[in-house]
Amino acid sequence: MAYNLKNEEELKEYLKNLHIEYQFGCFSEKNPEVCHLLGDFYEAVKLNTEKAALLYKTTCDQYNYARSCAKFGDFKVVGKGCEKDIPTAYKYLSKGCELNDEYGCLHAGVLGISKADVGEKDRATQIHASAKYLKKACDMYSEKACFYLSCIYLEGLENFIKKDYKEAYKLSLKSCELGNPYACANLSQMHLRGEGAQKNPELATTFKKRAIDLHENLTRKQQELKFHQGIDP
């Protein structure tokens, strides 16, 4: 049956049937992907974050479903639908990463690099584990992870990670190629100064232009998104 989702009654019927379908797929067929979708349904449609959090946690614990592990970790970071608990958040984000969820890796890395106590035995272990998670996310083509890690190598971190301009350049280049304007801007500065790469004003100008173009494109997309969000269907 085709639904006209602009019709309020048909939309309600569609969502009701979708809810039933997800419940059957999760609780009767024990399908972890559908359990995760049911969690998304409770979060986005029912606005019941408590049930969503419980579904993400259960789907992670019972089925080792990576996306659910990472999502529950994100909920625990801020206390969304559950009690805020940073060490538990880090545990679930890390598990999501180990199960190859890109966002689990990114968020575990960012959380671990922060000043938060995530439950690791010492600060050095925490930082090196988190850098490993960011590297894995970067290898999975997360432009944010590549950029974040490049900044760590540009500045060094608490005497645990030394400055490494060549590594910073390599990570910045990957992030820039994936569309991060700030990484492109860093590449421009590195070529301007000859840090981690040859001093080359022409390349500096090229990367600066790409940074500006990407930033303008992102700004335009954000404005368009805000405009469409303000239009009633």
Protein backbone atom coordinates (compact mmCIF):
# COMPACT_ATOMS: atom_id res chain seq x y z
CA MET A 1 0.00 0.00 0.00
CA ALA A 2 1.30 3.44 -0.93
CA TYR A 3 0.89 6.11 1.74
CA ASN A 4 0.50 9.84 1.19
CA LEU A 5 2.74 11.04 4.02
CA LYS A 6 1.51 14.60 3.60
CA ASN A 7 -1.91 13.40 4.74
CA GLU A 8 -2.05 13.42 8.55
CA GLU A 9 -4.27 10.34 8.89
CA GLU A 10 -2.22 8.30 6.42
CA LEU A 11 0.97 9.38 8.14
CA LYS A 12 -0.38 8.18 11.50
CA GLU A 13 -1.38 4.85 9.94
CA TYR A 14 2.05 4.45 8.34
CA LEU A 15 3.87 5.13 11.63
CA LYS A 16 1.55 2.77 13.52
CA ASN A 17 2.26 -0.06 11.06
CA LEU A 18 5.98 0.70 11.07
CA HIS A 19 6.02 0.49 14.87
CA ILE A 20 4.29 -2.92 14.76
CA GLU A 21 6.70 -4.14 12.09
CA TYR A 22 9.74 -3.07 14.12
CA GLN A 23 8.40 -4.65 17.31
CA PHE A 24 7.80 -7.96 15.53
CA GLY A 25 11.22 -7.91 13.87
CA CYS A 26 12.97 -7.16 17.14
CA PHE A 27 11.09 -9.18 19.76
CA SER A 28 9.85 -12.11 17.66
CA GLU A 29 12.51 -12.46 14.97
CA LYS A 30 15.38 -11.28 17.24
CA ASN A 31 16.84 -9.16 14.45
CA PRO A 32 19.41 -6.74 15.97
CA GLU A 33 19.23 -4.32 13.05
CA VAL A 34 15.48 -4.00 13.52
CA CYS A 35 15.92 -3.63 17.30
CA HIS A 36 18.20 -0.69 16.60
CA LEU A 37 15.62 0.78 14.21
CA LEU A 38 13.00 0.38 16.92
CA GLY A 39 15.26 2.38 19.22
CA ASP A 40 15.55 5.07 16.54
CA PHE A 41 11.75 5.03 16.23
CA TYR A 42 11.29 5.63 19.96
CA GLU A 43 13.89 8.41 19.90
CA ALA A 44 12.73 10.28 16.80
CA VAL A 45 9.01 9.54 16.52
CA LYS A 46 7.77 8.64 20.00
CA LEU A 47 10.23 11.05 21.66
CA ASN A 48 10.72 8.43 24.36
CA THR A 49 14.45 8.55 25.03
CA GLU A 50 14.21 6.17 28.00
CA LYS A 51 12.87 3.33 25.85
CA ALA A 52 15.34 4.22 23.09
CA ALA A 53 18.27 4.07 25.50
CA LEU A 54 17.14 0.72 26.87
CA LEU A 55 16.78 -0.73 23.37
CA TYR A 56 20.24 0.48 22.32
CA LYS A 57 21.81 -0.96 25.47
CA THR A 58 20.01 -4.31 25.16
CA THR A 59 20.81 -4.63 21.46
CA CYS A 60 24.47 -3.96 22.20
CA ASP A 61 24.64 -6.31 25.17
CA GLN A 62 22.71 -9.20 23.61
CA TYR A 63 23.74 -9.00 19.96
CA ASN A 64 26.99 -6.97 19.91
CA TYR A 65 25.36 -4.66 17.36
CA ALA A 66 27.98 -1.96 16.83
CA ARG A 67 25.70 0.99 16.02
CA SER A 68 23.62 0.36 19.15
CA CYS A 69 26.74 0.23 21.34
CA ALA A 70 27.90 3.58 20.01
CA LYS A 71 24.43 5.14 20.27
CA PHE A 72 23.99 4.04 23.89
CA GLY A 73 27.46 5.41 24.62
CA ASP A 74 26.42 8.76 23.17
CA PHE A 75 23.30 8.75 25.36
CA LYS A 76 25.38 8.03 28.48
CA VAL A 77 27.74 10.93 27.74
CA VAL A 78 24.96 13.48 28.20
CA GLY A 79 22.44 11.48 30.26
CA LYS A 80 19.86 11.26 27.47
CA GLY A 81 17.15 8.81 28.51
CA CYS A 82 19.45 7.44 31.19
CA GLU A 83 21.81 8.54 33.95
CA LYS A 84 24.92 10.36 32.79
CA ASP A 85 27.97 8.14 33.32
CA ILE A 86 31.20 8.97 31.48
CA PRO A 87 33.14 5.72 32.18
CA THR A 88 30.14 3.65 31.03
CA ALA A 89 29.76 5.90 27.99
CA TYR A 90 33.41 5.35 27.08
CA LYS A 91 33.03 1.59 27.59
CA TYR A 92 30.12 1.38 25.14
CA LEU A 93 31.67 3.77 22.62
CA SER A 94 34.89 1.73 22.73
CA LYS A 95 32.94 -1.47 22.22
CA GLY A 96 31.18 0.11 19.25
CA CYS A 97 34.57 1.02 17.82
CA GLU A 98 35.97 -2.45 18.35
CA LEU A 99 32.92 -3.73 16.44
CA ASN A 100 33.83 -1.30 13.62
CA ASP A 101 31.34 1.52 14.10
CA GLU A 102 32.85 4.74 12.73
CA TYR A 103 31.03 7.02 15.17
CA GLY A 104 31.91 4.79 18.11
CA CYS A 105 35.58 5.22 17.20
CA LEU A 106 35.28 8.97 16.67
CA HIS A 107 33.36 9.65 19.86
CA ALA A 108 35.44 7.29 22.02
CA GLY A 109 38.56 9.01 20.73
CA VAL A 110 37.29 12.53 21.38
CA LEU A 111 35.96 11.61 24.84
CA GLY A 112 39.20 9.89 25.84
CA ILE A 113 41.39 12.78 24.68
CA SER A 114 39.33 15.17 26.81
CA LYS A 115 40.02 15.79 30.49
CA ALA A 116 37.17 13.48 31.51
CA ASP A 117 37.89 10.44 33.68
CA VAL A 118 36.81 7.56 31.46
CA GLY A 119 37.96 4.79 33.78
CA GLU A 120 41.31 3.92 32.20
CA LYS A 121 44.12 3.01 34.61
CA ASP A 122 46.12 6.17 33.87
CA ARG A 123 46.17 9.23 31.63
CA ALA A 124 48.83 7.88 29.27
CA THR A 125 46.82 4.71 28.61
CA GLN A 126 43.71 6.79 28.05
CA ILE A 127 45.35 9.13 25.53
CA HIS A 128 47.08 6.42 23.53
CA ALA A 129 43.93 4.27 23.39
CA SER A 130 41.91 7.29 22.27
CA ALA A 131 44.44 8.20 19.58
CA LYS A 132 44.13 4.61 18.33
CA TYR A 133 40.34 4.99 18.15
CA LEU A 134 40.67 8.26 16.21
CA LYS A 135 43.10 6.62 13.80
CA LYS A 136 40.66 3.77 13.22
CA ALA A 137 37.84 6.25 12.56
CA CYS A 138 40.11 8.13 10.15
CA ASP A 139 40.89 4.87 8.36
CA MET A 140 37.11 4.47 8.00
CA TYR A 141 37.04 7.86 6.21
CA SER A 142 35.81 10.05 9.05
CA GLU A 143 37.02 13.52 8.05
CA LYS A 144 36.42 14.75 11.61
CA ALA A 145 38.60 12.02 13.11
CA CYS A 146 41.41 12.69 10.62
CA PHE A 147 41.23 16.42 11.38
CA TYR A 148 41.09 15.95 15.16
CA LEU A 149 44.10 13.62 15.11
CA SER A 150 46.03 15.94 12.79
CA CYS A 151 45.58 18.77 15.30
CA ILE A 152 46.98 16.55 18.05
CA TYR A 153 50.11 15.92 16.01
CA LEU A 154 50.38 19.61 15.12
CA GLU A 155 50.43 20.69 18.76
CA GLY A 156 51.50 17.59 20.69
CA LEU A 157 49.52 16.43 23.71
CA GLU A 158 50.54 16.59 27.37
CA ASN A 159 53.99 15.09 26.74
CA PHE A 160 52.28 11.82 25.76
CA ILE A 161 52.13 12.48 22.03
CA LYS A 162 54.96 14.45 20.44
CA LYS A 163 54.56 16.97 17.66
CA ASP A 164 54.88 15.31 14.28
CA TYR A 165 54.34 17.69 11.38
CA LYS A 166 54.70 15.00 8.74
CA GLU A 167 51.99 12.87 10.34
CA ALA A 168 49.86 15.98 10.83
CA TYR A 169 50.25 16.83 7.15
CA LYS A 170 49.28 13.33 6.02
CA LEU A 171 46.16 13.32 8.22
CA SER A 172 45.23 16.88 7.22
CA LEU A 173 45.52 15.96 3.55
CA LYS A 174 43.16 13.02 3.97
CA SER A 175 40.68 15.14 5.94
CA CYS A 176 40.85 17.90 3.33
CA GLU A 177 40.23 15.41 0.53
CA LEU A 178 37.18 14.19 2.49
CA GLY A 179 35.81 17.73 2.56
CA ASN A 180 36.96 19.30 5.84
CA PRO A 181 37.65 23.02 5.20
CA TYR A 182 39.67 23.49 8.39
CA ALA A 183 42.06 20.70 7.41
CA CYS A 184 42.55 22.41 4.04
CA ALA A 185 43.28 25.68 5.85
CA ASN A 186 45.91 23.93 7.98
CA LEU A 187 47.53 22.50 4.85
CA SER A 188 47.72 26.02 3.44
CA GLN A 189 49.53 27.24 6.55
CA MET A 190 51.88 24.24 6.58
CA HIS A 191 52.93 24.90 2.98
CA LEU A 192 53.29 28.59 3.77
CA ARG A 193 55.65 27.83 6.67
CA GLY A 194 57.25 24.65 5.37
CA GLU A 195 56.02 22.56 8.30
CA GLY A 196 55.68 18.86 7.49
CA ALA A 197 55.81 19.64 3.78
CA GLN A 198 57.81 21.72 1.31
CA LYS A 199 57.47 25.48 1.58
CA ASN A 200 55.35 26.27 -1.44
CA PRO A 201 53.30 29.49 -1.73
CA GLU A 202 51.41 28.17 -4.78
CA LEU A 203 50.19 25.08 -2.94
CA ALA A 204 49.40 27.27 0.06
CA THR A 205 47.15 29.37 -2.16
CA THR A 206 45.54 26.28 -3.71
CA PHE A 207 44.63 24.79 -0.34
CA LYS A 208 43.43 28.16 0.95
CA LYS A 209 41.05 28.44 -2.01
CA ARG A 210 39.76 24.91 -1.42
CA ALA A 211 39.21 25.73 2.26
CA ILE A 212 37.18 28.82 1.36
CA ASP A 213 35.13 26.97 -1.27
CA LEU A 214 34.33 24.10 1.10
CA HIS A 215 33.41 26.46 3.93
CA GLU A 216 31.09 28.49 1.68
CA ASN A 217 29.47 25.31 0.41
CA LEU A 218 28.89 24.02 3.95
CA THR A 219 27.47 27.37 5.05
CA ARG A 220 25.10 27.42 2.08
CA LYS A 221 23.88 23.88 2.82
CA GLN A 222 23.28 24.76 6.48
CA GLN A 223 21.27 27.83 5.47
CA GLU A 224 19.21 25.78 3.02
CA LEU A 225 18.55 23.15 5.70
CA LYS A 226 17.37 25.80 8.18
CA PHE A 227 15.15 27.34 5.50
CA HIS A 228 13.46 24.02 4.64
CA GLN A 229 13.03 23.15 8.31
CA GLY A 230 10.97 26.30 8.66
CA ILE A 231 8.52 25.28 5.93
CA ASP A 232 5.46 23.29 6.95
CA PRO A 233 4.76 20.29 4.67
